[in-house]
Structures are given as structure tokens and as C-alpha cells.
Amino acid sequence: MSVQNWQHGRLAISTIAATVLAFVIPVAYRDYRIFVSYGPNGVPNNLFGWIVAGVLLRPFGREMFGTGPYEHKIHTGEDKSFLPSGVPLRQGGRPVVGPHVIPQRQLSQTIDKGLKEGLMKEFQAFASRNLHLVKMSPSRLEKQTPALFVTDNVSGTSMSKSMDSEISHIHGTSDYSVHMVLSPADCKKVFESEWGQRHALCGCSITRYITKGKVLRLPEEFVFIYAPRNEEEIQIVMQLVTASVKYMTGSDEVR
């Protein structure tokens, strides 16, 4: 190869690299800004956390809206619903949810401070009324926000054991959406009424490394419930929390 050809080849490679970087860097920066906007969560809210959540874990993300996994379980006998009635259709369509597998957060249809305080007040009051079934502690999954756990003197279900007893948590440092574990029948109702979606890592064993072995695998019943936009929707979310507690504790004695 002549020196001239080598120089032309090197110039071409440099041009291609510069073009790729000119495209990739702005896209990556916008993605990083979205990640940081979530606020404190279960992974560091910094460049390291973004590399983990936005780069390393993204290929593990799975489909989040289909009801097939629940229909299969319902048909094989897991058909019990813990909701008193059908879940009303959520108006306005689904919100935009961030592109990262963790944390799972809303980017649209966000709610004001008063509604956030109202939801948290209801959540805490529910915990206080049901100390015979649940206790409130920092979430083992989110770390920065309170969660309901099966209390120590209740054996709970096999599902609660797979979740290290964690039932539900509010994302109290950001959008006030809610994660909870629901029965397959109730998951199907929630999805069909557009109240929520699965976590992107459901069914993936990578969570055993994120939680240091406490949660070996997120079940398909671990769902993301959108933040309530008014007082009526707060009550709907609390109905879902009630159903989650019944499912995870194996008790109907919820107050």
C-alpha cells in the first residue's frame, strides 16, 4: 500500500469516526439528562448509574404490555382476583415512561405536590391500619423511598418470599408512580384498563446481582402503576395496593 493510499484510508476512518461521534454524543447526552431527571433511586443517580442502567442493562429489557403471561397462568388455575370490581379505564391514555430499564419512571402526566402528599398520606395510613399484616420500611429495590413489606409474624405467600417480603413502594423522590405485585388476574385487569405495565426486567435473573441476591428474579406480576392525577385516582391506586397486600400476605383481613 502506498503512503498516499494509507493516508486516504486513515482520513476516511477519521471522517467516519467523527461523523459517528457527532451523532452518538448528543443522543447519549440527552439520554443521560433524562436518567438524571429521575432523581434518587435504586441505582446511583450519576454517570456510573447511567452507564449501568442506560448501557449495560438496556439489552435485558423485555416487552411490558402484553397480557399473555397472565392469561396462561389464569388458564392453569391462578385465576383469583383480589379487586372488589373491575378497574375503570384510565382516561387520557398511558403516560410516556422513561427509556431506561431502571429506574422505571413517568415522563408525562406528572402530578402536583398536593396529590403527591395525598397519595403518601393514604399509603402511610393504610400501613398504620394494617400492622397485623404489613410493616413500612425503606424499599430494598428502590432504597430511597418507603415500601410495604409482609410483617415478620405473617408467613406470606411463595410470591412474597420471592420478593424478599416487599409488596409495594411509591417512588417518593420523583413521580409518585407505584410498583406493586398483583395476582395474574388483577395484572390482566390493570393492563386492559391502561393503569400500568410490567417492569422491563420482569422474568430476568439479572436482578439477583442488582439486589445482591435478595430478589433472584422479578416476577411478571411486578407491575408499574401510573401516578394518580386526582383524588378519585388516588382511591383506585389504593384499591390496587389493597389487592396487592391480600395477594402477598394470603389474608383477606385488610382494613
C-alpha atoms as a PDB file:
ATOM      1  CA  MET A   1       0.000   0.000   0.000  1.00  0.00           C
ATOM      2  CA  SER A   2       1.367   3.386  -0.959  1.00  0.00           C
ATOM      3  CA  VAL A   3       1.769   6.163   1.578  1.00  0.00           C
ATOM      4  CA  GLN A   4      -0.862   8.173  -0.256  1.00  0.00           C
ATOM      5  CA  ASN A   5      -3.419   5.337  -0.114  1.00  0.00           C
ATOM      6  CA  TRP A   6      -2.669   4.780   3.568  1.00  0.00           C
ATOM      7  CA  GLN A   7      -3.239   8.464   4.277  1.00  0.00           C
ATOM      8  CA  HIS A   8      -6.510   8.435   2.331  1.00  0.00           C
ATOM      9  CA  GLY A   9      -7.674   5.378   4.295  1.00  0.00           C
ATOM     10  CA  ARG A  10      -6.754   6.966   7.583  1.00  0.00           C
ATOM     11  CA  LEU A  11      -8.595  10.155   6.616  1.00  0.00           C
ATOM     12  CA  ALA A  12     -11.693   8.163   5.673  1.00  0.00           C
ATOM     13  CA  ILE A  13     -11.670   6.310   9.005  1.00  0.00           C
ATOM     14  CA  SER A  14     -11.232   9.577  10.897  1.00  0.00           C
ATOM     15  CA  THR A  15     -14.115  11.152   8.983  1.00  0.00           C
ATOM     16  CA  ILE A  16     -16.415   8.209   9.702  1.00  0.00           C
ATOM     17  CA  ALA A  17     -15.442   8.214  13.382  1.00  0.00           C
ATOM     18  CA  ALA A  18     -16.069  11.954  13.662  1.00  0.00           C
ATOM     19  CA  THR A  19     -19.475  11.582  11.988  1.00  0.00           C
ATOM     20  CA  VAL A  20     -20.483   8.741  14.301  1.00  0.00           C
ATOM     21  CA  LEU A  21     -19.355  10.646  17.388  1.00  0.00           C
ATOM     22  CA  ALA A  22     -21.183  13.778  16.233  1.00  0.00           C
ATOM     23  CA  PHE A  23     -24.377  11.715  16.208  1.00  0.00           C
ATOM     24  CA  VAL A  24     -23.780   9.499  19.252  1.00  0.00           C
ATOM     25  CA  ILE A  25     -22.600  12.100  21.760  1.00  0.00           C
ATOM     26  CA  PRO A  26     -25.724  14.349  21.614  1.00  0.00           C
ATOM     27  CA  VAL A  27     -28.020  11.300  21.755  1.00  0.00           C
ATOM     28  CA  ALA A  28     -26.114   9.874  24.718  1.00  0.00           C
ATOM     29  CA  TYR A  29     -26.140  13.238  26.491  1.00  0.00           C
ATOM     30  CA  ARG A  30     -29.919  13.611  26.075  1.00  0.00           C
ATOM     31  CA  ASP A  31     -30.369  10.076  27.387  1.00  0.00           C
ATOM     32  CA  TYR A  32     -28.145  10.872  30.368  1.00  0.00           C
ATOM     33  CA  ARG A  33     -30.134  14.037  31.144  1.00  0.00           C
ATOM     34  CA  ILE A  34     -33.357  12.006  31.176  1.00  0.00           C
ATOM     35  CA  PHE A  35     -31.760   9.488  33.533  1.00  0.00           C
ATOM     36  CA  VAL A  36     -30.582  12.189  35.952  1.00  0.00           C
ATOM     37  CA  SER A  37     -34.051  13.796  35.909  1.00  0.00           C
ATOM     38  CA  TYR A  38     -35.479  10.713  37.659  1.00  0.00           C
ATOM     39  CA  GLY A  39     -33.825  11.771  40.910  1.00  0.00           C
ATOM     40  CA  PRO A  40     -32.547   9.405  43.642  1.00  0.00           C
ATOM     41  CA  ASN A  41     -33.445   5.780  43.018  1.00  0.00           C
ATOM     42  CA  GLY A  42     -32.121   2.235  43.340  1.00  0.00           C
ATOM     43  CA  VAL A  43     -29.025   2.911  41.234  1.00  0.00           C
ATOM     44  CA  PRO A  44     -26.619   5.862  41.607  1.00  0.00           C
ATOM     45  CA  ASN A  45     -28.078   8.993  40.032  1.00  0.00           C
ATOM     46  CA  ASN A  46     -24.841   9.860  38.245  1.00  0.00           C
ATOM     47  CA  LEU A  47     -22.682   8.882  35.273  1.00  0.00           C
ATOM     48  CA  PHE A  48     -21.908   5.460  36.737  1.00  0.00           C
ATOM     49  CA  GLY A  49     -25.602   4.742  37.301  1.00  0.00           C
ATOM     50  CA  TRP A  50     -26.409   5.835  33.757  1.00  0.00           C
ATOM     51  CA  ILE A  51     -23.769   3.509  32.308  1.00  0.00           C
ATOM     52  CA  VAL A  52     -25.278   0.620  34.278  1.00  0.00           C
ATOM     53  CA  ALA A  53     -28.948   1.421  33.572  1.00  0.00           C
ATOM     54  CA  GLY A  54     -28.660   3.103  30.192  1.00  0.00           C
ATOM     55  CA  VAL A  55     -25.983   0.973  28.566  1.00  0.00           C
ATOM     56  CA  LEU A  56     -25.255  -2.323  30.323  1.00  0.00           C
ATOM     57  CA  LEU A  57     -28.786  -3.302  31.397  1.00  0.00           C
ATOM     58  CA  ARG A  58     -30.762  -1.955  28.442  1.00  0.00           C
ATOM     59  CA  PRO A  59     -30.311  -5.124  26.314  1.00  0.00           C
ATOM     60  CA  PHE A  60     -32.013  -7.122  29.092  1.00  0.00           C
ATOM     61  CA  GLY A  61     -35.247  -5.099  28.863  1.00  0.00           C
ATOM     62  CA  ARG A  62     -38.363  -7.038  27.869  1.00  0.00           C
ATOM     63  CA  GLU A  63     -41.828  -6.355  26.475  1.00  0.00           C
ATOM     64  CA  MET A  64     -44.026  -4.659  29.080  1.00  0.00           C
ATOM     65  CA  PHE A  65     -47.652  -4.505  27.874  1.00  0.00           C
ATOM     66  CA  GLY A  66     -48.879  -7.922  26.729  1.00  0.00           C
ATOM     67  CA  THR A  67     -51.292  -9.908  28.904  1.00  0.00           C
ATOM     68  CA  GLY A  68     -50.200 -13.287  27.537  1.00  0.00           C
ATOM     69  CA  PRO A  69     -48.162 -14.287  30.619  1.00  0.00           C
ATOM     70  CA  TYR A  70     -51.194 -13.686  32.852  1.00  0.00           C
ATOM     71  CA  GLU A  71     -53.690 -15.396  30.558  1.00  0.00           C
ATOM     72  CA  HIS A  72     -51.537 -18.529  30.595  1.00  0.00           C
ATOM     73  CA  LYS A  73     -51.452 -18.554  34.408  1.00  0.00           C
ATOM     74  CA  ILE A  74     -55.186 -17.840  34.653  1.00  0.00           C
ATOM     75  CA  HIS A  75     -55.919 -20.768  32.355  1.00  0.00           C
ATOM     76  CA  THR A  76     -53.785 -23.050  34.538  1.00  0.00           C
ATOM     77  CA  GLY A  77     -55.690 -22.160  37.714  1.00  0.00           C
ATOM     78  CA  GLU A  78     -54.199 -18.891  39.034  1.00  0.00           C
ATOM     79  CA  ASP A  79     -57.453 -17.072  38.370  1.00  0.00           C
ATOM     80  CA  LYS A  80     -58.244 -15.419  41.694  1.00  0.00           C
ATOM     81  CA  SER A  81     -58.817 -11.674  41.656  1.00  0.00           C
ATOM     82  CA  PHE A  82     -58.373  -9.606  44.810  1.00  0.00           C
ATOM     83  CA  LEU A  83     -60.062  -6.495  43.424  1.00  0.00           C
ATOM     84  CA  PRO A  84     -63.651  -5.823  44.544  1.00  0.00           C
ATOM     85  CA  SER A  85     -64.712  -4.992  40.987  1.00  0.00           C
ATOM     86  CA  GLY A  86     -63.307  -4.245  37.565  1.00  0.00           C
ATOM     87  CA  VAL A  87     -60.715  -1.486  37.265  1.00  0.00           C
ATOM     88  CA  PRO A  88     -62.186   1.539  35.420  1.00  0.00           C
ATOM     89  CA  LEU A  89     -60.479   2.567  32.199  1.00  0.00           C
ATOM     90  CA  ARG A  90     -57.822   5.177  32.876  1.00  0.00           C
ATOM     91  CA  GLN A  91     -58.637   8.292  30.870  1.00  0.00           C
ATOM     92  CA  GLY A  92     -56.127  10.111  28.663  1.00  0.00           C
ATOM     93  CA  GLY A  93     -54.086   7.132  27.550  1.00  0.00           C
ATOM     94  CA  ARG A  94     -50.856   5.851  29.001  1.00  0.00           C
ATOM     95  CA  PRO A  95     -48.138   8.326  30.041  1.00  0.00           C
ATOM     96  CA  VAL A  96     -44.720   8.369  28.421  1.00  0.00           C
ATOM     97  CA  VAL A  97     -42.358   6.245  30.518  1.00  0.00           C
ATOM     98  CA  GLY A  98     -38.595   6.736  30.513  1.00  0.00           C
ATOM     99  CA  PRO A  99     -36.464   4.594  28.172  1.00  0.00           C
ATOM    100  CA  HIS A 100     -34.267   3.063  30.877  1.00  0.00           C
ATOM    101  CA  VAL A 101     -34.938  -0.391  32.319  1.00  0.00           C
ATOM    102  CA  ILE A 102     -34.180   1.046  35.754  1.00  0.00           C
ATOM    103  CA  PRO A 103     -35.476   3.169  37.272  1.00  0.00           C
ATOM    104  CA  GLN A 104     -38.968   2.994  35.793  1.00  0.00           C
ATOM    105  CA  ARG A 105     -40.468   6.494  35.814  1.00  0.00           C
ATOM    106  CA  GLN A 106     -43.095   8.610  34.075  1.00  0.00           C
ATOM    107  CA  LEU A 107     -42.016  11.485  31.844  1.00  0.00           C
ATOM    108  CA  SER A 108     -45.523  12.827  31.184  1.00  0.00           C
ATOM    109  CA  GLN A 109     -48.823  13.204  33.063  1.00  0.00           C
ATOM    110  CA  THR A 110     -46.868  14.198  36.164  1.00  0.00           C
ATOM    111  CA  ILE A 111     -48.762  15.311  39.257  1.00  0.00           C
ATOM    112  CA  ASP A 112     -48.567  18.282  41.616  1.00  0.00           C
ATOM    113  CA  LYS A 113     -47.272  18.439  45.174  1.00  0.00           C
ATOM    114  CA  GLY A 114     -50.732  18.254  46.739  1.00  0.00           C
ATOM    115  CA  LEU A 115     -51.577  14.965  45.032  1.00  0.00           C
ATOM    116  CA  LYS A 116     -48.175  13.540  45.911  1.00  0.00           C
ATOM    117  CA  GLU A 117     -48.748  14.365  49.562  1.00  0.00           C
ATOM    118  CA  GLY A 118     -52.276  12.956  49.383  1.00  0.00           C
ATOM    119  CA  LEU A 119     -51.105   9.635  47.953  1.00  0.00           C
ATOM    120  CA  MET A 120     -48.324   9.273  50.509  1.00  0.00           C
ATOM    121  CA  LYS A 121     -50.728  10.119  53.344  1.00  0.00           C
ATOM    122  CA  GLU A 122     -53.134   7.393  52.175  1.00  0.00           C
ATOM    123  CA  PHE A 123     -50.275   4.906  51.794  1.00  0.00           C
ATOM    124  CA  GLN A 124     -48.986   5.585  55.308  1.00  0.00           C
ATOM    125  CA  ALA A 125     -52.498   5.496  56.805  1.00  0.00           C
ATOM    126  CA  PHE A 126     -53.085   2.139  55.127  1.00  0.00           C
ATOM    127  CA  ALA A 127     -49.889   0.799  56.689  1.00  0.00           C
ATOM    128  CA  SER A 128     -50.937   2.055  60.138  1.00  0.00           C
ATOM    129  CA  ARG A 129     -54.357   0.368  59.851  1.00  0.00           C
ATOM    130  CA  ASN A 130     -52.851  -2.945  58.816  1.00  0.00           C
ATOM    131  CA  LEU A 131     -49.939  -3.502  61.177  1.00  0.00           C
ATOM    132  CA  HIS A 132     -51.230  -7.046  61.680  1.00  0.00           C
ATOM    133  CA  LEU A 133     -50.234  -7.747  58.057  1.00  0.00           C
ATOM    134  CA  VAL A 134     -47.659  -5.216  56.902  1.00  0.00           C
ATOM    135  CA  LYS A 135     -44.827  -3.022  58.048  1.00  0.00           C
ATOM    136  CA  MET A 136     -43.277   0.027  56.442  1.00  0.00           C
ATOM    137  CA  SER A 137     -39.537   0.186  55.749  1.00  0.00           C
ATOM    138  CA  PRO A 138     -37.241   1.604  53.058  1.00  0.00           C
ATOM    139  CA  SER A 139     -37.646  -0.279  49.800  1.00  0.00           C
ATOM    140  CA  ARG A 140     -34.955  -2.870  49.141  1.00  0.00           C
ATOM    141  CA  LEU A 141     -35.412  -2.316  45.427  1.00  0.00           C
ATOM    142  CA  GLU A 142     -35.549   1.494  45.336  1.00  0.00           C
ATOM    143  CA  LYS A 143     -33.674   2.192  48.610  1.00  0.00           C
ATOM    144  CA  GLN A 144     -34.689   5.878  48.676  1.00  0.00           C
ATOM    145  CA  THR A 145     -38.420   5.504  49.246  1.00  0.00           C
ATOM    146  CA  PRO A 146     -40.823   3.787  51.696  1.00  0.00           C
ATOM    147  CA  ALA A 147     -42.319   0.386  50.946  1.00  0.00           C
ATOM    148  CA  LEU A 148     -44.867  -2.019  52.385  1.00  0.00           C
ATOM    149  CA  PHE A 149     -43.498  -5.391  53.482  1.00  0.00           C
ATOM    150  CA  VAL A 150     -45.177  -8.505  54.817  1.00  0.00           C
ATOM    151  CA  THR A 151     -44.760  -8.129  58.580  1.00  0.00           C
ATOM    152  CA  ASP A 152     -42.478 -10.521  60.449  1.00  0.00           C
ATOM    153  CA  ASN A 153     -45.218 -12.554  62.164  1.00  0.00           C
ATOM    154  CA  VAL A 154     -47.056 -13.314  58.886  1.00  0.00           C
ATOM    155  CA  SER A 155     -45.676 -16.142  56.784  1.00  0.00           C
ATOM    156  CA  GLY A 156     -46.872 -14.662  53.496  1.00  0.00           C
ATOM    157  CA  THR A 157     -47.135 -16.444  50.163  1.00  0.00           C
ATOM    158  CA  SER A 158     -44.462 -18.012  47.996  1.00  0.00           C
ATOM    159  CA  MET A 159     -44.589 -14.877  45.858  1.00  0.00           C
ATOM    160  CA  SER A 160     -43.816 -12.675  48.871  1.00  0.00           C
ATOM    161  CA  LYS A 161     -40.820 -14.843  49.693  1.00  0.00           C
ATOM    162  CA  SER A 162     -39.512 -14.474  46.142  1.00  0.00           C
ATOM    163  CA  MET A 163     -39.717 -10.679  46.600  1.00  0.00           C
ATOM    164  CA  ASP A 164     -37.962 -10.723  49.992  1.00  0.00           C
ATOM    165  CA  SER A 165     -41.363  -9.743  51.502  1.00  0.00           C
ATOM    166  CA  GLU A 166     -41.598  -6.429  49.613  1.00  0.00           C
ATOM    167  CA  ILE A 167     -45.178  -5.778  48.479  1.00  0.00           C
ATOM    168  CA  SER A 168     -45.327  -2.247  47.093  1.00  0.00           C
ATOM    169  CA  HIS A 169     -43.461   1.048  47.078  1.00  0.00           C
ATOM    170  CA  ILE A 170     -44.163   4.605  45.977  1.00  0.00           C
ATOM    171  CA  HIS A 171     -41.497   6.443  44.008  1.00  0.00           C
ATOM    172  CA  GLY A 172     -41.499   9.185  46.592  1.00  0.00           C
ATOM    173  CA  THR A 173     -38.411  11.001  45.317  1.00  0.00           C
ATOM    174  CA  SER A 174     -39.812  11.687  41.851  1.00  0.00           C
ATOM    175  CA  ASP A 175     -43.089  10.999  40.007  1.00  0.00           C
ATOM    176  CA  TYR A 176     -45.074   9.139  42.712  1.00  0.00           C
ATOM    177  CA  SER A 177     -45.844   6.239  40.445  1.00  0.00           C
ATOM    178  CA  VAL A 178     -46.119   2.937  42.320  1.00  0.00           C
ATOM    179  CA  HIS A 179     -44.642  -0.536  41.974  1.00  0.00           C
ATOM    180  CA  MET A 180     -46.585  -3.476  43.383  1.00  0.00           C
ATOM    181  CA  VAL A 181     -47.086  -7.207  42.963  1.00  0.00           C
ATOM    182  CA  LEU A 182     -50.571  -8.251  41.840  1.00  0.00           C
ATOM    183  CA  SER A 183     -52.195 -11.587  41.082  1.00  0.00           C
ATOM    184  CA  PRO A 184     -52.189 -12.652  37.402  1.00  0.00           C
ATOM    185  CA  ALA A 185     -55.936 -11.950  37.147  1.00  0.00           C
ATOM    186  CA  ASP A 186     -55.503  -8.461  38.587  1.00  0.00           C
ATOM    187  CA  CYS A 187     -52.477  -7.754  36.375  1.00  0.00           C
ATOM    188  CA  LYS A 188     -54.639  -8.524  33.345  1.00  0.00           C
ATOM    189  CA  LYS A 189     -57.338  -6.124  34.576  1.00  0.00           C
ATOM    190  CA  VAL A 190     -54.779  -3.377  35.200  1.00  0.00           C
ATOM    191  CA  PHE A 191     -53.210  -3.741  31.766  1.00  0.00           C
ATOM    192  CA  GLU A 192     -56.535  -3.819  29.940  1.00  0.00           C
ATOM    193  CA  SER A 193     -57.655  -0.654  31.753  1.00  0.00           C
ATOM    194  CA  GLU A 194     -54.319   1.049  30.907  1.00  0.00           C
ATOM    195  CA  TRP A 195     -53.398   1.649  34.527  1.00  0.00           C
ATOM    196  CA  GLY A 196     -49.958   0.111  34.342  1.00  0.00           C
ATOM    197  CA  GLN A 197     -47.319  -2.049  32.714  1.00  0.00           C
ATOM    198  CA  ARG A 198     -44.708  -4.623  33.653  1.00  0.00           C
ATOM    199  CA  HIS A 199     -41.218  -3.787  34.812  1.00  0.00           C
ATOM    200  CA  ALA A 200     -38.786  -4.147  31.919  1.00  0.00           C
ATOM    201  CA  LEU A 201     -36.680  -6.648  33.886  1.00  0.00           C
ATOM    202  CA  CYS A 202     -39.563  -8.980  34.786  1.00  0.00           C
ATOM    203  CA  GLY A 203     -38.526 -12.558  34.203  1.00  0.00           C
ATOM    204  CA  CYS A 204     -34.854 -11.635  34.056  1.00  0.00           C
ATOM    205  CA  SER A 205     -32.463 -13.081  36.633  1.00  0.00           C
ATOM    206  CA  ILE A 206     -30.106 -10.089  36.345  1.00  0.00           C
ATOM    207  CA  THR A 207     -31.938  -8.658  39.380  1.00  0.00           C
ATOM    208  CA  ARG A 208     -30.108 -11.107  41.645  1.00  0.00           C
ATOM    209  CA  TYR A 209     -26.966  -9.041  41.060  1.00  0.00           C
ATOM    210  CA  ILE A 210     -28.715  -5.680  41.434  1.00  0.00           C
ATOM    211  CA  THR A 211     -30.271  -6.700  44.776  1.00  0.00           C
ATOM    212  CA  LYS A 212     -27.243  -8.683  45.986  1.00  0.00           C
ATOM    213  CA  GLY A 213     -29.181 -11.936  45.913  1.00  0.00           C
ATOM    214  CA  LYS A 214     -32.250 -10.726  47.852  1.00  0.00           C
ATOM    215  CA  VAL A 215     -34.550 -10.878  44.814  1.00  0.00           C
ATOM    216  CA  LEU A 216     -33.387 -13.610  42.450  1.00  0.00           C
ATOM    217  CA  ARG A 217     -35.826 -12.761  39.672  1.00  0.00           C
ATOM    218  CA  LEU A 218     -38.504 -10.101  39.257  1.00  0.00           C
ATOM    219  CA  PRO A 219     -41.819 -11.897  38.686  1.00  0.00           C
ATOM    220  CA  GLU A 220     -44.080 -10.969  35.782  1.00  0.00           C
ATOM    221  CA  GLU A 221     -46.598  -9.866  38.423  1.00  0.00           C
ATOM    222  CA  PHE A 222     -44.337  -6.966  39.482  1.00  0.00           C
ATOM    223  CA  VAL A 223     -46.103  -4.052  37.820  1.00  0.00           C
ATOM    224  CA  PHE A 224     -45.672  -0.308  37.428  1.00  0.00           C
ATOM    225  CA  ILE A 225     -48.811   1.691  38.281  1.00  0.00           C
ATOM    226  CA  TYR A 226     -49.083   5.204  36.884  1.00  0.00           C
ATOM    227  CA  ALA A 227     -49.301   8.148  39.278  1.00  0.00           C
ATOM    228  CA  PRO A 228     -52.861   9.208  40.238  1.00  0.00           C
ATOM    229  CA  ARG A 229     -53.902  12.565  38.757  1.00  0.00           C
ATOM    230  CA  ASN A 230     -56.809  13.358  41.080  1.00  0.00           C
ATOM    231  CA  GLU A 231     -58.423  12.251  44.343  1.00  0.00           C
ATOM    232  CA  GLU A 232     -60.551   9.618  42.626  1.00  0.00           C
ATOM    233  CA  GLU A 233     -57.477   8.057  41.060  1.00  0.00           C
ATOM    234  CA  ILE A 234     -55.714   8.015  44.438  1.00  0.00           C
ATOM    235  CA  GLN A 235     -58.533   5.778  45.685  1.00  0.00           C
ATOM    236  CA  ILE A 236     -58.133   3.499  42.661  1.00  0.00           C
ATOM    237  CA  VAL A 237     -54.410   3.172  43.341  1.00  0.00           C
ATOM    238  CA  MET A 238     -55.143   2.337  46.976  1.00  0.00           C
ATOM    239  CA  GLN A 239     -57.611  -0.351  45.846  1.00  0.00           C
ATOM    240  CA  LEU A 240     -54.748  -1.843  43.871  1.00  0.00           C
ATOM    241  CA  VAL A 241     -52.461  -1.628  46.918  1.00  0.00           C
ATOM    242  CA  THR A 242     -55.134  -3.438  48.951  1.00  0.00           C
ATOM    243  CA  ALA A 243     -55.334  -6.185  46.316  1.00  0.00           C
ATOM    244  CA  SER A 244     -51.549  -6.468  46.338  1.00  0.00           C
ATOM    245  CA  VAL A 245     -51.440  -6.882  50.123  1.00  0.00           C
ATOM    246  CA  LYS A 246     -54.124  -9.574  50.017  1.00  0.00           C
ATOM    247  CA  TYR A 247     -52.231 -11.440  47.307  1.00  0.00           C
ATOM    248  CA  MET A 248     -48.849 -11.227  49.029  1.00  0.00           C
ATOM    249  CA  THR A 249     -49.977 -11.954  52.596  1.00  0.00           C
ATOM    250  CA  GLY A 250     -52.596 -14.570  51.735  1.00  0.00           C
ATOM    251  CA  SER A 251     -55.059 -12.765  54.012  1.00  0.00           C
ATOM    252  CA  ASP A 252     -58.370 -11.028  53.300  1.00  0.00           C
ATOM    253  CA  GLU A 253     -58.296  -9.237  56.675  1.00  0.00           C
ATOM    254  CA  VAL A 254     -57.242  -5.909  55.190  1.00  0.00           C
ATOM    255  CA  ARG A 255     -58.640  -2.767  56.783  1.00  0.00           C
END
